[in-house]
Protein backbone atom coordinates (compact mmCIF):
# COMPACT_ATOMS: atom_id res chain seq x y z
CA MET A 1 102.45 109.38 92.74
CA GLN A 2 99.59 107.89 90.71
CA PRO A 3 100.89 107.47 87.14
CA PHE A 4 98.17 104.93 86.29
CA LYS A 5 95.16 106.83 87.63
CA ASN A 6 93.40 106.56 84.25
CA ILE A 7 94.31 102.90 83.67
CA SER A 8 91.85 100.05 84.20
CA VAL A 9 93.17 96.58 85.05
CA LEU A 10 91.29 93.28 85.00
CA ASP A 11 93.12 90.93 87.36
CA LEU A 12 92.17 87.34 86.50
CA SER A 13 95.14 85.87 88.36
CA GLN A 14 95.40 83.86 91.55
CA GLY A 15 98.15 83.08 94.04
CA ILE A 16 101.00 85.55 94.46
CA ALA A 17 102.81 86.54 91.25
CA GLY A 18 99.79 87.77 89.27
CA PRO A 19 97.95 89.44 92.15
CA VAL A 20 101.10 91.20 93.35
CA CYS A 21 101.82 92.39 89.79
CA ALA A 22 98.32 93.86 89.46
CA GLY A 23 98.60 95.13 93.03
CA ILE A 24 101.65 97.21 92.09
CA LEU A 25 99.59 98.90 89.38
CA ALA A 26 96.77 99.44 91.87
CA ARG A 27 99.10 101.12 94.34
CA GLN A 28 100.25 103.36 91.47
CA GLY A 29 96.72 104.58 90.85
CA ALA A 30 95.16 102.06 88.46
CA ARG A 31 91.59 100.87 88.98
CA VAL A 32 92.09 97.14 89.47
CA VAL A 33 89.25 94.61 89.56
CA LYS A 34 90.28 91.34 91.22
CA VAL A 35 88.30 88.43 89.75
CA GLU A 36 87.93 85.22 91.73
CA PRO A 37 85.92 82.01 91.46
CA LEU A 38 82.97 81.78 93.84
CA THR A 39 85.11 79.85 96.34
CA GLY A 40 87.81 82.53 96.21
CA ASP A 41 91.45 82.63 95.16
CA TRP A 42 93.18 79.52 96.50
CA ILE A 43 95.76 81.71 98.24
CA ARG A 44 93.08 82.74 100.75
CA ALA A 45 93.25 79.35 102.45
CA THR A 46 97.02 79.37 102.98
CA GLY A 47 98.67 80.18 106.29
CA GLY A 48 96.72 81.80 109.11
CA SER A 49 93.42 83.03 107.66
CA ARG A 50 90.18 84.54 108.92
CA GLU A 51 87.23 84.95 106.60
CA GLY A 52 89.53 84.19 103.68
CA MET A 53 91.93 86.99 104.57
CA CYS A 54 95.44 85.61 105.05
CA ALA A 55 98.63 87.67 104.84
CA ASN A 56 99.28 86.96 101.15
CA ALA A 57 95.66 87.66 100.18
CA ILE A 58 95.96 91.04 101.86
CA ALA A 59 99.43 91.90 100.55
CA GLY A 60 98.56 91.13 96.93
CA ASN A 61 95.16 92.78 96.79
CA LEU A 62 95.37 96.15 98.55
CA ASN A 63 93.62 98.99 96.69
CA LYS A 64 91.59 96.59 94.50
CA GLN A 65 87.89 95.96 94.00
CA GLY A 66 86.89 92.32 94.26
CA ILE A 67 84.29 90.35 92.32
CA ALA A 68 83.41 86.64 92.26
CA ILE A 69 82.34 85.08 88.94
CA ASP A 70 82.21 81.50 87.67
CA ALA A 71 84.19 81.88 84.44
CA THR A 72 83.42 78.28 83.40
CA LYS A 73 79.78 79.21 82.74
CA PRO A 74 78.98 81.03 79.47
CA ALA A 75 77.16 83.85 81.26
CA GLY A 76 80.10 84.29 83.63
CA ARG A 77 82.58 84.35 80.77
CA ASP A 78 80.46 86.88 78.90
CA ALA A 79 80.38 89.16 81.94
CA LEU A 80 84.17 89.01 82.17
CA LEU A 81 84.49 89.77 78.46
CA ARG A 82 82.40 92.88 79.07
CA LEU A 83 84.90 93.92 81.72
CA ALA A 84 87.83 93.08 79.40
CA ASP A 85 86.33 95.29 76.69
CA GLN A 86 86.90 98.28 78.98
CA ALA A 87 90.28 97.22 80.38
CA ASP A 88 93.64 98.68 79.48
CA VAL A 89 95.41 95.72 81.07
CA VAL A 90 94.50 92.08 81.72
CA VAL A 91 96.67 89.97 84.03
CA GLU A 92 96.52 86.17 84.30
CA ASN A 93 98.90 83.54 85.65
CA PHE A 94 97.46 80.17 84.74
CA ARG A 95 99.21 77.35 82.95
CA ALA A 96 99.55 77.74 79.19
CA GLY A 97 96.25 77.12 77.38
CA VAL A 98 93.91 77.48 80.37
CA MET A 99 92.65 80.97 79.53
CA ALA A 100 92.18 80.11 75.86
CA ARG A 101 90.02 77.12 76.81
CA LEU A 102 87.88 79.44 78.94
CA GLY A 103 87.46 81.82 76.01
CA LEU A 104 89.44 84.51 77.87
CA GLY A 105 92.82 84.14 76.16
CA TYR A 106 94.76 86.92 74.49
CA GLU A 107 93.42 86.33 70.98
CA ALA A 108 89.79 86.36 72.12
CA ILE A 109 90.19 89.55 74.12
CA ARG A 110 92.39 91.31 71.55
CA ALA A 111 89.76 90.70 68.87
CA ARG A 112 87.36 92.78 70.97
CA ASN A 113 89.88 95.22 72.43
CA PRO A 114 92.97 95.74 70.21
CA ARG A 115 94.54 98.22 72.64
CA VAL A 116 94.63 95.78 75.54
CA VAL A 117 97.96 94.94 77.19
CA TYR A 118 97.50 91.30 78.14
CA CYS A 119 100.05 89.90 80.60
CA SER A 120 100.49 86.17 81.01
CA ILE A 121 102.68 84.93 83.86
CA THR A 122 103.59 81.25 83.62
CA GLY A 123 105.98 78.99 85.46
CA PHE A 124 108.35 78.06 82.66
CA GLY A 125 107.05 79.79 79.54
CA PRO A 126 104.14 79.24 77.12
CA THR A 127 105.91 76.55 75.07
CA GLY A 128 108.62 73.95 75.58
CA PRO A 129 109.04 70.71 77.51
CA LEU A 130 108.15 72.28 80.88
CA SER A 131 105.34 74.57 79.73
CA LYS A 132 102.68 72.38 81.37
CA LYS A 133 104.66 71.75 84.56
CA PRO A 134 103.11 73.13 87.76
CA ALA A 135 105.29 75.85 89.24
CA THR A 136 105.54 76.65 92.92
CA ASP A 137 107.97 78.79 94.87
CA SER A 138 109.97 75.78 96.07
CA VAL A 139 110.08 74.23 92.59
CA LEU A 140 111.36 77.47 91.05
CA GLN A 141 113.95 78.07 93.77
CA ALA A 142 115.28 74.56 93.12
CA TYR A 143 115.08 74.76 89.33
CA SER A 144 116.70 78.19 88.99
CA GLY A 145 119.73 77.57 91.21
CA MET A 146 118.43 79.87 93.92
CA ALA A 147 118.42 77.09 96.53
CA VAL A 148 122.07 76.34 95.72
CA ALA A 149 122.99 80.03 95.96
CA ASN A 150 121.43 80.00 99.43
CA ALA A 151 123.14 76.75 100.47
CA ILE A 152 123.96 76.27 104.13
CA ALA A 153 127.04 74.69 105.68
CA GLY A 154 128.15 71.60 103.84
CA GLY A 155 126.72 72.84 100.54
CA ILE A 156 123.19 71.68 101.36
CA PRO A 157 120.69 73.52 99.13
CA LYS A 158 118.16 75.58 101.08
CA ARG A 159 115.02 77.42 100.05
CA ILE A 160 115.02 81.13 100.89
CA GLY A 161 112.26 81.60 103.43
CA LEU A 162 110.33 84.12 101.31
CA TYR A 163 108.29 83.80 98.11
CA VAL A 164 111.12 85.24 96.05
CA PRO A 165 110.26 83.79 92.58
CA ASP A 166 106.66 84.99 92.78
CA ASN A 167 107.47 88.47 94.03
CA ILE A 168 110.36 89.23 91.69
CA SER A 169 108.27 87.94 88.79
CA ALA A 170 105.48 90.29 89.84
CA ILE A 171 107.90 93.22 89.76
CA TYR A 172 109.33 92.28 86.35
CA ALA A 173 105.81 91.76 84.99
CA ALA A 174 104.59 95.11 86.30
CA GLN A 175 107.59 96.82 84.67
CA ALA A 176 106.90 95.01 81.38
CA ILE A 177 103.26 96.10 81.50
CA SER A 178 104.36 99.67 82.15
CA ALA A 179 106.67 99.51 79.13
CA ALA A 180 103.86 98.12 76.95
CA LEU A 181 101.53 100.91 78.07
CA PHE A 182 104.21 103.45 77.21
CA GLU A 183 104.66 101.88 73.77
CA ARG A 184 100.89 102.01 73.24
CA CYS A 185 101.01 105.79 73.53
CA SER A 186 102.67 105.93 70.09
CA SER A 187 101.45 102.71 68.46
CA ASN A 188 97.85 102.82 69.75
CA GLN A 189 98.08 99.02 69.90
CA GLY A 190 98.30 96.66 72.80
CA ARG A 191 100.45 93.59 73.00
CA HIS A 192 100.77 90.20 74.68
CA VAL A 193 103.35 90.45 77.48
CA GLU A 194 104.61 86.98 78.45
CA VAL A 195 106.70 86.52 81.58
CA SER A 196 107.77 83.29 83.27
CA LEU A 197 108.87 82.76 86.83
CA ALA A 198 111.85 80.75 85.59
CA GLU A 199 113.23 83.52 83.36
CA CYS A 200 112.63 86.10 86.09
CA CYS A 201 114.59 83.98 88.57
CA ALA A 202 117.43 83.74 86.05
CA ALA A 203 117.42 87.49 85.42
CA PHE A 204 117.34 88.23 89.14
CA GLN A 205 120.48 86.13 89.60
CA SER A 206 122.44 87.61 86.69
CA GLY A 207 125.58 88.45 88.69
CA PRO A 208 126.04 85.03 90.34
CA MET A 209 125.17 83.22 87.11
CA ILE A 210 127.79 85.16 85.16
CA ASP A 211 130.29 84.53 87.95
CA THR A 212 129.82 80.76 87.56
CA LEU A 213 130.56 81.10 83.83
CA LEU A 214 133.71 83.08 84.48
CA TYR A 215 134.85 80.77 87.29
CA PRO A 216 133.23 77.34 86.81
CA ASP A 217 135.24 75.74 89.61
CA PRO A 218 133.69 76.75 92.95
CA ALA A 219 137.14 76.65 94.49
CA SER A 220 138.30 79.41 92.14
CA ARG A 221 135.57 81.83 93.21
CA THR A 222 136.34 84.39 95.88
CA ALA A 223 134.27 86.50 98.19
CA ILE A 224 133.41 90.07 97.21
CA PHE A 225 134.46 91.54 100.57
CA ALA A 226 136.22 90.22 103.65
CA PRO A 227 135.34 90.20 106.43
CA ALA A 228 131.61 90.10 105.78
CA GLY A 229 128.61 88.29 107.14
CA GLU A 230 126.28 87.89 110.08
CA PHE A 231 127.94 87.91 113.50
CA ARG A 232 126.57 87.12 116.93
CA THR A 233 126.89 89.75 119.64
CA SER A 234 126.33 89.33 123.36
CA ASP A 235 122.57 89.85 122.92
CA GLY A 236 121.75 89.44 119.21
CA TRP A 237 123.20 89.66 115.72
CA ILE A 238 124.72 92.27 113.42
CA VAL A 239 125.82 92.34 109.79
CA VAL A 240 129.24 93.74 108.91
CA SER A 241 130.67 94.33 105.42
CA CYS A 242 134.23 95.52 104.79
CA MET A 243 134.66 97.23 101.40
CA SER A 244 138.13 98.76 101.71
CA ALA A 245 141.45 98.75 103.50
CA ALA A 246 140.44 101.88 105.41
CA MET A 247 137.27 100.21 106.58
CA PHE A 248 139.18 97.11 107.69
CA ALA A 249 141.54 99.30 109.69
CA SER A 250 138.52 100.95 111.34
CA ILE A 251 137.07 97.54 112.21
CA ALA A 252 140.34 96.35 113.69
CA ARG A 253 140.73 99.45 115.85
CA THR A 254 137.08 99.46 116.94
CA VAL A 255 137.17 95.88 118.17
CA LYS A 256 140.65 96.41 119.75
CA ARG A 257 142.43 94.00 117.40
CA GLU A 258 145.13 96.29 115.94
CA GLU A 259 147.42 93.27 115.47
CA TRP A 260 145.29 92.30 112.47
CA LEU A 261 146.75 95.26 110.61
CA ALA A 262 150.17 93.61 110.59
CA ASP A 263 148.90 90.07 109.86
CA GLU A 264 149.95 89.14 106.32
CA ARG A 265 146.71 87.19 105.85
CA PHE A 266 144.67 90.34 106.37
CA VAL A 267 146.76 93.25 105.05
CA GLU A 268 145.29 93.33 101.52
CA ASN A 269 141.72 92.74 100.42
CA ASP A 270 142.71 89.88 98.09
CA ALA A 271 144.51 88.19 100.96
CA ARG A 272 141.53 88.67 103.26
CA LYS A 273 139.22 87.12 100.68
CA LYS A 274 141.47 84.07 100.46
CA HIS A 275 141.41 83.81 104.24
CA MET A 276 137.70 84.59 104.62
CA LYS A 277 137.08 81.85 107.20
CA GLU A 278 139.95 82.97 109.40
CA ILE A 279 139.14 86.68 109.40
CA ASN A 280 135.42 86.06 109.87
CA ALA A 281 136.13 83.73 112.79
CA ALA A 282 138.43 86.29 114.41
CA LEU A 283 135.85 89.05 114.03
CA ALA A 284 133.07 86.76 115.28
CA GLU A 285 134.98 86.09 118.48
CA ALA A 286 135.64 89.79 119.07
CA LEU A 287 132.02 90.80 118.58
CA THR A 288 130.66 88.46 121.23
CA HIS A 289 131.97 90.74 123.97
CA ASP A 290 129.47 93.60 123.59
CA THR A 291 125.85 94.24 122.71
CA THR A 292 124.32 94.76 119.30
CA ALA A 293 123.40 98.37 120.07
CA ASN A 294 126.91 99.23 121.26
CA TRP A 295 128.63 97.59 118.29
CA VAL A 296 126.33 99.29 115.79
CA LYS A 297 127.00 102.66 117.39
CA LYS A 298 130.78 102.16 117.52
CA LEU A 299 131.08 100.80 113.99
CA GLU A 300 128.85 103.49 112.50
CA VAL A 301 131.04 106.15 114.11
CA ALA A 302 134.02 104.39 112.51
CA ASP A 303 132.29 104.56 109.08
CA VAL A 304 131.90 100.79 108.78
CA LEU A 305 129.00 99.17 106.95
CA VAL A 306 126.94 97.65 109.76
CA SER A 307 123.35 96.95 110.72
CA PRO A 308 121.50 95.16 113.47
CA VAL A 309 119.71 92.02 112.27
CA ASN A 310 116.08 93.01 112.74
CA ASP A 311 112.95 90.94 112.79
CA TYR A 312 109.77 92.46 111.37
CA LEU A 313 108.66 93.82 114.72
CA ALA A 314 112.00 95.59 115.19
CA LEU A 315 111.77 97.07 111.70
CA ARG A 316 108.28 98.38 112.43
CA GLU A 317 109.57 100.11 115.58
CA ASP A 318 112.75 101.46 113.95
CA GLU A 319 113.12 105.25 113.99
CA GLN A 320 114.15 105.49 110.34
CA ALA A 321 111.27 103.28 109.23
CA GLN A 322 108.82 105.45 111.14
CA HIS A 323 110.37 108.70 109.93
CA SER A 324 110.34 107.64 106.27
CA GLY A 325 106.90 106.02 106.45
CA TYR A 326 107.85 102.53 105.34
CA LEU A 327 104.53 101.29 106.73
CA ALA A 328 100.95 102.46 106.37
CA THR A 329 97.98 101.64 108.57
CA VAL A 330 94.89 100.25 106.88
CA ASP A 331 91.52 99.26 108.33
CA GLN A 332 91.55 95.69 107.06
CA ALA A 333 88.55 93.47 107.69
CA PRO A 334 88.28 91.30 109.69
CA TYR A 335 91.36 92.36 111.66
CA GLY A 336 90.92 96.11 112.11
CA ALA A 337 93.92 98.45 112.03
CA LEU A 338 96.84 96.69 110.34
CA ASN A 339 100.34 97.83 109.39
CA VAL A 340 101.22 97.13 105.74
CA PRO A 341 104.30 98.23 103.78
CA ASN A 342 103.98 101.23 101.50
CA LEU A 343 105.00 100.79 97.87
CA PRO A 344 108.16 102.78 96.98
CA ALA A 345 107.49 105.95 94.95
CA ALA A 346 103.74 105.28 94.90
CA ASP A 347 100.74 107.01 96.40
CA ARG A 348 100.43 106.30 100.13
CA ASN A 349 96.65 106.20 100.20
CA VAL A 350 96.37 102.49 100.99
CA ARG A 351 92.93 100.87 100.87
CA PRO A 352 92.04 97.45 102.31
CA ALA A 353 92.08 94.27 100.26
CA PRO A 354 88.59 93.06 99.29
CA ARG A 355 86.93 89.92 100.56
CA VAL A 356 85.50 87.43 98.06
CA GLY A 357 82.79 89.08 95.99
CA GLU A 358 82.81 92.30 97.96
CA HIS A 359 82.26 94.59 94.96
CA THR A 360 80.62 92.25 92.42
CA ARG A 361 77.39 94.19 91.99
CA ALA A 362 79.06 97.63 91.78
CA VAL A 363 81.72 96.52 89.28
CA LEU A 364 79.26 94.76 86.95
CA ARG A 365 76.93 97.75 87.10
CA ASP A 366 79.83 100.05 86.15
CA ALA A 367 80.48 97.76 83.16
CA GLY A 368 76.96 98.47 81.88
CA ILE A 369 75.32 95.23 83.00
CA SER A 370 71.78 95.82 84.17
CA ASP A 371 70.63 95.18 87.71
CA ALA A 372 68.21 92.53 86.42
CA ASP A 373 71.05 90.66 84.68
CA ILE A 374 73.25 90.97 87.76
CA ASP A 375 70.43 89.61 89.92
CA ALA A 376 70.07 86.70 87.50
CA LEU A 377 73.78 85.91 87.63
CA ILE A 378 73.68 85.89 91.41
CA ALA A 379 70.45 83.85 91.57
CA GLN A 380 71.88 81.26 89.16
CA GLY A 381 75.04 80.86 91.27
CA ILE A 382 77.27 82.32 88.55
CA ALA A 383 78.19 85.46 90.49
CA LEU A 384 78.54 86.14 94.20
CA GLN A 385 77.95 89.41 96.02
CA ARG A 386 79.27 89.36 99.58
CA GLU A 387 76.82 90.91 101.97
CA ALA A 388 78.23 93.30 104.60
């Protein structure tokens, strides 16, 4: 599915949230031009990286064209304004005021292109006491309560080991851009879409946040299901969730603990939730006596919610993942054939992420800039064209 095949996106963002947002549109058919400074997006130097291609640089920039321009120079800014004139969407994720100082803010671009949908992704919002505060994944997980929701034994806050604030913000931003494009069909006008990582983290945690309002005292809150959780087997881990009395009876019979069915602590779901530690401990002990594969098979036959705890390699090799095509293979320089996740409900023609300045000359030429002017930009160190 390529719903945005006639949409042009100018991606001025760096890091994760903005590039992933624009990347979603790219995977849905939009022509996306990724703009970077001559030294490249800072994300390229994070984690394991070869030739500026780390995992996050690849994940956020599949299906894009890449150009390198120094936007601090007037000629570089003018070249980007030429690209913005032809864009349906502009995405940026700098701190409030940065793009305006560069002459690439919403007002400047809207004056030239009234139909543009301009998306700004900030840490805490464009105004307010924290509007200038730098925002990172760890800062947002701490600020938004996410680290507390993921607390480990003893109530110690713990960061979730994924870039959750950035990625959920990218998804919310892409949806907001889609809505603005839909609105433009009738209004023929663009709009400024403003999204902050902080508000996205709050929205993402709506259920738990409402629960704390209903039951402010942590001691008054109860589990959703019991038993539930991650349990060690003789050779790995599984997840089990019990949603009903029938399911609990199936669990008890499968693990040969029929006496639980007469235990007053476990008979009703409300009682099980109050005795979560006891029932989880009893199930944990029972599950250590067989393998992950055997328990998954037995519990699935008994119609119990269960899954092995996979790592990424196991997911890649999983029969369902292979059958449904969760992963695509892309020829990604400088690594060669690489498995990358497909985007749900999007076209599965995945193209490699660009290296810094890989398409500078072609993109500027398509924007109507002459070869002589492009040569001058490159010669003056304002633009960079990567040579093959």
